[in-house]
Amino acid sequence: MKTLLILIFFFITLPFSTFAQTNQTPSADQIENGRRLQLATETSFRLTSARAYHKGVNGKEKNLNMAIRYYEEVAGLGHIDSEYFLGLIYQVELKQFDRAFYWNMRASEHGHWNAQLNLAIAYLEGQNIEVDPIQGYKWFKLAYRNSGEVATQLLPAIEQIESQLDKTQISEGQRLADEWMVEFERKKNEPKKKPEIVIEQVGLSTNIAIKGSLQATGNVGCVDITQVSNTEIPPNLFLGFLDCVRKNDYDKGIEMFILAFMFGQFDGHRIEDPTAGSGISQLRREAVSLLTPDQRTSFDNHLKEHYFRASEKRLTFCNKIENIGYPTYHPKYMILVGLSAFDGIEGNGLKHFFEPEEQWIEVATPNCPVDYFK
């Protein structure tokens, strides 16, 4: 059986035909240049939209929800300024201090001095956290060190804070700031562990991917989805779908197919990198491409005749997925598809603020009658 493995490609700076005709393999520098070019393209539109909605410019009305959406997507691509702007919106405009603290801390750990200043204020004022003058002083000192030409403007505030602390507190805050700077510099200079890249020549195209992206870890086989748990990743489910079609069991195959796509849609929403979400559509196309023309025709006809929105079989399917619930596995198979994965994943690759129950309803509703899960 053919392994269900998709190699997601991005365009490198030299034409693919160059490598195909000369049997050359793109160098690491060429791969990295191509990735950075596509990353810049993906970032540019989102960042422009985020700023337009944030400030109400470029023909957009001010809309903080839309600004947050785009800033989060750009933050998922590693844009540190977007982390800062998210902290700013939540801290100053929305007064949602728990979310402000998360984004300010994240940007601060990446060395953003404005975020460090806002984090210091959160500690000093106790914005949804316990007042901690030592931590406040630490982050103020770090903001001062990292703010460049603006540093002199922060001196009066630092002196005011010091006037309210005793010598022990000042010494401790200074020690913590010094330790943070040493660790920050160490991490900055530490070589990043790069993932293993897979390069495959297909005709005149060069497919470049991270090993393991969209790769199955097993095959659930042709079973009823009531025997499938929410720990099975979509690539495994699509292999089960193919088994069912080859056995002419289209009911089981269609239910497996829809469930796999729903799981993948859910994963796309919970992964930080917005470029990773397209992986499920590519998996679906690959699965269908492995069908023979006759199998494809039979699959399409059975789907249209028996699984239209209000059909009995569709309602039975909805009952089944209600019992299965939303996915609980870690979607590494899809995270590795994203452009940011080529730099190495920071953390677990998932959104910090994510409501799985709400998102599962949103994913399930188009496949089942309105309000079926509510």
Protein backbone atom coordinates (compact mmCIF):
# COMPACT_ATOMS: atom_id res chain seq x y z
CA MET A 1 0.00 0.00 0.00
CA LYS A 2 1.24 3.45 -0.84
CA THR A 3 2.18 5.43 2.25
CA LEU A 4 0.05 8.51 2.69
CA LEU A 5 2.77 11.14 2.90
CA ILE A 6 2.47 14.56 1.34
CA LEU A 7 5.53 16.69 0.75
CA ILE A 8 4.48 20.31 1.01
CA PHE A 9 6.58 22.53 -1.20
CA PHE A 10 7.35 26.19 -1.33
CA PHE A 11 8.96 28.09 -4.17
CA ILE A 12 12.66 28.63 -3.87
CA THR A 13 14.43 31.52 -5.53
CA LEU A 14 15.79 29.51 -8.47
CA PRO A 15 13.33 27.88 -10.89
CA PHE A 16 12.51 24.25 -10.18
CA SER A 17 13.31 23.41 -13.79
CA THR A 18 16.94 24.35 -13.16
CA PHE A 19 17.31 21.55 -10.64
CA ALA A 20 15.16 19.10 -12.57
CA GLN A 21 17.09 19.46 -15.83
CA THR A 22 20.55 19.41 -14.27
CA ASN A 23 19.75 16.93 -11.48
CA GLN A 24 20.88 19.51 -8.95
CA THR A 25 19.58 19.51 -5.42
CA PRO A 26 18.83 22.95 -3.96
CA SER A 27 21.34 24.02 -1.34
CA ALA A 28 20.46 24.77 2.26
CA ASP A 29 20.90 28.49 1.53
CA GLN A 30 18.52 28.33 -1.44
CA ILE A 31 15.92 26.49 0.63
CA GLU A 32 16.23 29.03 3.44
CA ASN A 33 16.01 31.99 1.03
CA GLY A 34 12.88 30.54 -0.50
CA ARG A 35 11.31 29.94 2.89
CA ARG A 36 12.07 33.48 4.04
CA LEU A 37 10.61 34.92 0.84
CA GLN A 38 7.36 33.03 1.31
CA LEU A 39 7.32 33.85 5.03
CA ALA A 40 7.64 37.56 4.22
CA THR A 41 4.75 37.27 1.77
CA GLU A 42 2.53 35.47 4.30
CA THR A 43 3.40 38.03 6.98
CA SER A 44 2.97 41.18 4.91
CA PHE A 45 -0.75 40.92 4.13
CA ARG A 46 -1.70 39.86 7.64
CA LEU A 47 0.35 42.58 9.28
CA THR A 48 -1.08 45.26 7.00
CA SER A 49 -4.61 44.08 7.80
CA ALA A 50 -3.89 43.93 11.54
CA ARG A 51 -2.61 47.50 11.62
CA ALA A 52 -5.48 48.77 9.47
CA TYR A 53 -8.13 47.25 11.78
CA HIS A 54 -6.20 48.32 14.88
CA LYS A 55 -5.96 51.96 13.89
CA GLY A 56 -8.98 52.23 11.58
CA VAL A 57 -6.96 53.24 8.51
CA ASN A 58 -6.58 52.21 4.85
CA GLY A 59 -10.32 52.04 4.34
CA LYS A 60 -10.95 49.82 7.38
CA GLU A 61 -13.09 50.73 10.36
CA LYS A 62 -11.41 50.15 13.73
CA ASN A 63 -12.17 46.58 14.73
CA LEU A 64 -10.14 45.13 17.58
CA ASN A 65 -11.44 41.60 17.07
CA MET A 66 -10.19 41.58 13.50
CA ALA A 67 -6.93 43.24 14.55
CA ILE A 68 -6.39 40.56 17.19
CA ARG A 69 -7.12 37.82 14.67
CA TYR A 70 -4.47 39.06 12.24
CA TYR A 71 -1.93 39.95 14.93
CA GLU A 72 -2.27 36.42 16.34
CA GLU A 73 -1.69 34.91 12.91
CA VAL A 74 1.44 37.01 12.40
CA ALA A 75 2.61 36.19 15.93
CA GLY A 76 2.24 32.53 14.96
CA LEU A 77 4.75 33.21 12.20
CA GLY A 78 7.28 34.54 14.73
CA HIS A 79 6.61 38.28 14.43
CA ILE A 80 7.58 39.72 17.83
CA ASP A 81 6.06 43.18 17.30
CA SER A 82 2.67 41.49 16.87
CA GLU A 83 3.06 39.85 20.28
CA TYR A 84 3.65 43.31 21.72
CA PHE A 85 0.62 44.83 19.97
CA LEU A 86 -1.58 42.01 21.26
CA GLY A 87 -0.38 42.74 24.78
CA LEU A 88 -1.03 46.44 24.23
CA ILE A 89 -4.58 45.92 22.97
CA TYR A 90 -5.50 43.63 25.85
CA GLN A 91 -3.78 45.77 28.51
CA VAL A 92 -4.72 49.29 27.44
CA GLU A 93 -7.82 49.03 25.26
CA LEU A 94 -9.68 45.92 26.44
CA LYS A 95 -8.43 45.72 30.03
CA GLN A 96 -8.22 41.94 29.76
CA PHE A 97 -5.16 41.66 31.93
CA ASP A 98 -4.77 37.89 31.88
CA ARG A 99 -4.34 37.88 28.11
CA ALA A 100 -2.28 41.07 28.26
CA PHE A 101 0.11 39.41 30.73
CA TYR A 102 0.55 36.37 28.47
CA TRP A 103 1.37 38.39 25.35
CA ASN A 104 3.52 40.93 27.19
CA MET A 105 5.50 38.14 28.82
CA ARG A 106 5.92 36.34 25.50
CA ALA A 107 7.16 39.49 23.71
CA SER A 108 9.32 40.38 26.72
CA GLU A 109 11.03 37.00 26.67
CA HIS A 110 11.81 37.71 23.02
CA GLY A 111 13.52 40.98 24.05
CA HIS A 112 10.84 43.54 23.11
CA TRP A 113 11.52 46.52 25.38
CA ASN A 114 8.04 48.09 25.02
CA ALA A 115 6.48 44.84 26.17
CA GLN A 116 9.00 44.65 29.03
CA LEU A 117 7.90 48.11 30.12
CA ASN A 118 4.22 47.12 30.04
CA LEU A 119 5.01 43.93 31.91
CA ALA A 120 6.78 45.98 34.59
CA ILE A 121 3.67 48.13 34.96
CA ALA A 122 1.51 45.02 35.31
CA TYR A 123 3.69 43.80 38.19
CA LEU A 124 3.86 47.17 39.87
CA GLU A 125 0.12 47.81 39.64
CA GLY A 126 -1.01 44.23 40.19
CA GLN A 127 -2.99 43.94 36.96
CA ASN A 128 -4.79 40.65 37.60
CA ILE A 129 -1.63 39.38 39.33
CA GLU A 130 -0.16 39.90 42.77
CA VAL A 131 1.81 43.12 43.15
CA ASP A 132 5.50 42.29 42.89
CA PRO A 133 7.81 45.34 43.08
CA ILE A 134 10.94 43.25 42.59
CA GLN A 135 9.66 41.75 39.31
CA GLY A 136 8.39 45.18 38.31
CA TYR A 137 11.83 46.69 38.91
CA LYS A 138 13.52 43.82 37.07
CA TRP A 139 11.46 44.32 33.91
CA PHE A 140 11.80 48.10 34.10
CA LYS A 141 15.58 47.72 34.22
CA LEU A 142 15.47 45.33 31.27
CA ALA A 143 13.31 47.75 29.29
CA TYR A 144 15.87 50.46 30.07
CA ARG A 145 18.77 48.30 28.86
CA ASN A 146 17.03 47.25 25.65
CA SER A 147 15.39 50.54 24.66
CA GLY A 148 18.40 52.12 22.93
CA GLU A 149 18.11 55.88 22.41
CA VAL A 150 14.88 56.04 24.41
CA ALA A 151 16.62 54.76 27.55
CA THR A 152 17.26 58.20 29.05
CA GLN A 153 13.50 58.88 29.03
CA LEU A 154 12.98 55.93 31.37
CA LEU A 155 15.48 57.08 34.00
CA PRO A 156 13.04 59.30 35.99
CA ALA A 157 10.57 56.39 36.27
CA ILE A 158 13.32 54.03 37.41
CA GLU A 159 14.50 56.51 40.02
CA GLN A 160 10.95 56.89 41.28
CA ILE A 161 10.59 53.10 41.62
CA GLU A 162 13.93 52.85 43.42
CA SER A 163 12.80 55.52 45.90
CA GLN A 164 9.99 53.16 46.96
CA LEU A 165 12.20 50.07 47.34
CA ASP A 166 14.73 49.18 49.99
CA LYS A 167 18.31 48.21 49.12
CA THR A 168 17.60 44.50 49.34
CA GLN A 169 14.72 44.74 46.84
CA ILE A 170 16.79 46.84 44.44
CA SER A 171 19.69 44.39 44.67
CA GLU A 172 17.41 41.41 44.04
CA GLY A 173 15.69 43.08 41.09
CA GLN A 174 19.06 43.98 39.59
CA ARG A 175 20.32 40.42 40.08
CA LEU A 176 17.27 38.96 38.33
CA ALA A 177 17.67 41.39 35.43
CA ASP A 178 21.36 40.49 35.07
CA GLU A 179 20.57 36.77 35.07
CA TRP A 180 17.84 37.27 32.48
CA MET A 181 20.20 39.14 30.15
CA VAL A 182 22.86 36.41 30.41
CA GLU A 183 20.30 33.72 29.56
CA PHE A 184 18.78 35.83 26.77
CA GLU A 185 22.18 36.30 25.12
CA ARG A 186 22.96 32.60 25.51
CA LYS A 187 19.75 31.59 23.76
CA LYS A 188 20.24 34.20 21.05
CA ASN A 189 23.69 32.88 20.22
CA GLU A 190 22.81 29.22 20.60
CA PRO A 191 22.49 27.43 17.24
CA LYS A 192 18.91 26.40 16.57
CA LYS A 193 18.19 22.74 16.13
CA LYS A 194 16.93 22.47 12.58
CA PRO A 195 14.41 19.80 11.55
CA GLU A 196 15.28 17.14 8.98
CA ILE A 197 14.36 18.33 5.49
CA VAL A 198 13.09 15.95 2.82
CA ILE A 199 13.68 16.93 -0.82
CA GLU A 200 11.90 15.08 -3.61
CA GLN A 201 12.10 15.71 -7.34
CA VAL A 202 8.74 15.25 -9.08
CA GLY A 203 8.94 16.07 -12.77
CA LEU A 204 9.98 19.70 -13.05
CA SER A 205 9.07 20.47 -9.44
CA THR A 206 11.13 20.20 -6.30
CA ASN A 207 9.08 19.28 -3.24
CA ILE A 208 10.61 20.40 0.05
CA ALA A 209 9.16 19.35 3.41
CA ILE A 210 10.01 18.56 7.00
CA LYS A 211 10.26 14.88 7.74
CA GLY A 212 7.06 13.71 9.42
CA SER A 213 4.76 16.40 8.07
CA LEU A 214 1.31 15.01 7.22
CA GLN A 215 2.61 11.50 7.79
CA ALA A 216 0.48 8.66 9.07
CA THR A 217 1.54 6.83 12.21
CA GLY A 218 -0.73 3.87 11.55
CA ASN A 219 -3.84 2.68 9.74
CA VAL A 220 -7.16 2.41 11.59
CA GLY A 221 -8.42 0.07 8.87
CA CYS A 222 -11.94 -0.13 7.51
CA VAL A 223 -13.99 0.06 10.69
CA ASP A 224 -17.12 1.88 11.76
CA ILE A 225 -16.18 5.27 13.21
CA THR A 226 -17.81 4.24 16.51
CA GLN A 227 -14.63 2.17 16.93
CA VAL A 228 -12.42 5.23 16.28
CA SER A 229 -11.24 7.41 19.15
CA ASN A 230 -10.44 11.11 19.19
CA THR A 231 -6.75 10.24 19.49
CA GLU A 232 -6.40 9.17 15.84
CA ILE A 233 -4.75 11.70 13.54
CA PRO A 234 -6.33 12.43 10.13
CA PRO A 235 -3.60 10.68 8.05
CA ASN A 236 -4.46 7.42 9.84
CA LEU A 237 -8.17 7.99 9.18
CA PHE A 238 -7.63 8.69 5.49
CA LEU A 239 -5.80 5.36 5.19
CA GLY A 240 -8.86 3.73 6.76
CA PHE A 241 -11.04 5.55 4.21
CA LEU A 242 -8.96 4.11 1.36
CA ASP A 243 -9.28 0.60 2.79
CA CYS A 244 -13.07 0.96 2.95
CA VAL A 245 -13.39 2.20 -0.62
CA ARG A 246 -11.24 -0.67 -1.88
CA LYS A 247 -13.64 -3.03 -0.09
CA ASN A 248 -16.65 -1.20 -1.62
CA ASP A 249 -17.83 -0.26 1.87
CA TYR A 250 -18.73 3.32 0.99
CA ASP A 251 -20.77 4.07 4.11
CA LYS A 252 -17.84 3.42 6.42
CA GLY A 253 -15.45 5.06 3.98
CA ILE A 254 -17.46 8.28 3.67
CA GLU A 255 -17.88 8.62 7.43
CA MET A 256 -14.14 8.07 7.91
CA PHE A 257 -13.43 10.63 5.19
CA ILE A 258 -15.65 13.34 6.72
CA LEU A 259 -14.35 12.68 10.24
CA ALA A 260 -10.72 12.94 9.07
CA PHE A 261 -11.41 16.28 7.43
CA MET A 262 -13.26 17.60 10.50
CA PHE A 263 -10.37 16.61 12.77
CA GLY A 264 -7.98 18.36 10.40
CA GLN A 265 -10.08 21.53 10.30
CA PHE A 266 -10.09 21.57 14.10
CA ASP A 267 -6.31 21.15 14.15
CA GLY A 268 -5.86 24.03 11.73
CA HIS A 269 -7.70 26.34 14.14
CA ARG A 270 -5.65 25.38 17.21
CA ILE A 271 -2.20 25.59 15.63
CA GLU A 272 -0.43 28.95 15.93
CA ASP A 273 1.18 29.01 12.49
CA PRO A 274 -1.61 29.96 10.02
CA THR A 275 0.30 28.45 7.09
CA ALA A 276 0.01 24.96 8.59
CA GLY A 277 -3.78 24.72 8.31
CA SER A 278 -3.75 24.08 4.57
CA GLY A 279 -2.30 20.66 5.30
CA ILE A 280 -5.69 19.01 5.75
CA SER A 281 -6.88 20.05 2.28
CA GLN A 282 -3.72 18.59 0.79
CA LEU A 283 -4.20 15.37 2.72
CA ARG A 284 -7.76 15.12 1.43
CA ARG A 285 -6.66 15.70 -2.18
CA GLU A 286 -3.94 13.09 -1.83
CA ALA A 287 -6.38 10.52 -0.45
CA VAL A 288 -8.85 11.07 -3.29
CA SER A 289 -6.05 10.99 -5.87
CA LEU A 290 -5.24 7.41 -4.79
CA LEU A 291 -8.69 6.22 -5.89
CA THR A 292 -9.22 4.69 -9.32
CA PRO A 293 -11.60 6.58 -11.67
CA ASP A 294 -14.34 4.03 -10.98
CA GLN A 295 -13.81 4.26 -7.22
CA ARG A 296 -13.92 8.05 -7.40
CA THR A 297 -17.19 7.98 -9.34
CA SER A 298 -18.78 5.51 -6.92
CA PHE A 299 -17.57 7.53 -3.94
CA ASP A 300 -18.96 10.80 -5.32
CA ASN A 301 -22.30 9.25 -6.23
CA HIS A 302 -22.74 7.54 -2.85
CA LEU A 303 -21.86 10.74 -1.04
CA LYS A 304 -24.42 12.77 -3.02
CA GLU A 305 -27.20 10.17 -2.84
CA HIS A 306 -26.94 9.11 0.80
CA TYR A 307 -25.07 11.78 2.76
CA PHE A 308 -26.76 15.02 1.81
CA ARG A 309 -27.27 17.38 4.75
CA ALA A 310 -30.63 16.18 6.09
CA SER A 311 -30.35 12.52 5.09
CA GLU A 312 -30.84 9.69 7.55
CA LYS A 313 -27.26 8.51 7.12
CA ARG A 314 -25.92 12.01 7.69
CA LEU A 315 -27.91 12.27 10.94
CA THR A 316 -26.59 8.87 12.03
CA PHE A 317 -23.07 10.11 11.33
CA CYS A 318 -23.72 13.22 13.44
CA ASN A 319 -24.79 11.07 16.38
CA LYS A 320 -21.55 9.14 16.09
CA ILE A 321 -19.23 12.14 16.01
CA GLU A 322 -21.06 13.71 18.94
CA ASN A 323 -19.95 10.71 20.98
CA ILE A 324 -16.39 10.79 19.60
CA GLY A 325 -15.81 14.45 20.50
CA TYR A 326 -13.04 16.80 19.46
CA PRO A 327 -9.45 15.61 18.90
CA THR A 328 -7.18 15.29 21.92
CA TYR A 329 -3.90 14.29 20.25
CA HIS A 330 -1.04 16.72 19.63
CA PRO A 331 -1.23 17.66 15.90
CA LYS A 332 2.50 17.48 15.17
CA TYR A 333 1.70 16.01 11.73
CA MET A 334 0.21 19.39 10.74
CA ILE A 335 2.43 21.71 12.79
CA LEU A 336 5.41 20.51 10.73
CA VAL A 337 3.71 21.78 7.57
CA GLY A 338 3.95 25.42 8.64
CA LEU A 339 6.67 27.77 7.46
CA SER A 340 7.75 28.53 11.01
CA ALA A 341 8.54 24.84 11.58
CA PHE A 342 11.61 25.16 9.38
CA ASP A 343 13.12 27.33 12.12
CA GLY A 344 12.20 24.83 14.80
CA ILE A 345 8.98 24.85 16.83
CA GLU A 346 8.93 27.05 19.93
CA GLY A 347 6.82 25.49 22.66
CA ASN A 348 4.10 23.06 21.59
CA GLY A 349 3.03 25.02 18.49
CA LEU A 350 -0.54 25.49 19.76
CA LYS A 351 -2.52 28.61 20.58
CA HIS A 352 -2.47 29.52 24.26
CA PHE A 353 -6.04 30.82 24.31
CA PHE A 354 -8.22 28.24 22.60
CA GLU A 355 -11.71 26.98 23.40
CA PRO A 356 -11.90 23.39 22.08
CA GLU A 357 -15.60 22.87 22.76
CA GLU A 358 -16.60 26.04 20.91
CA GLN A 359 -14.29 25.31 18.01
CA TRP A 360 -15.53 21.74 17.68
CA ILE A 361 -19.12 23.00 17.41
CA GLU A 362 -18.03 25.48 14.75
CA VAL A 363 -16.30 22.73 12.78
CA ALA A 364 -19.14 20.24 13.19
CA THR A 365 -22.06 22.55 12.39
CA PRO A 366 -21.48 22.74 8.60
CA ASN A 367 -21.52 18.95 8.49
CA CYS A 368 -24.63 18.49 10.61
CA PRO A 369 -27.99 20.29 11.00
CA VAL A 370 -27.83 23.78 12.46
CA ASP A 371 -27.59 23.81 16.28
CA TYR A 372 -27.19 20.01 16.29
CA PHE A 373 -24.46 20.20 18.93
CA LYS A 374 -25.93 23.07 20.92
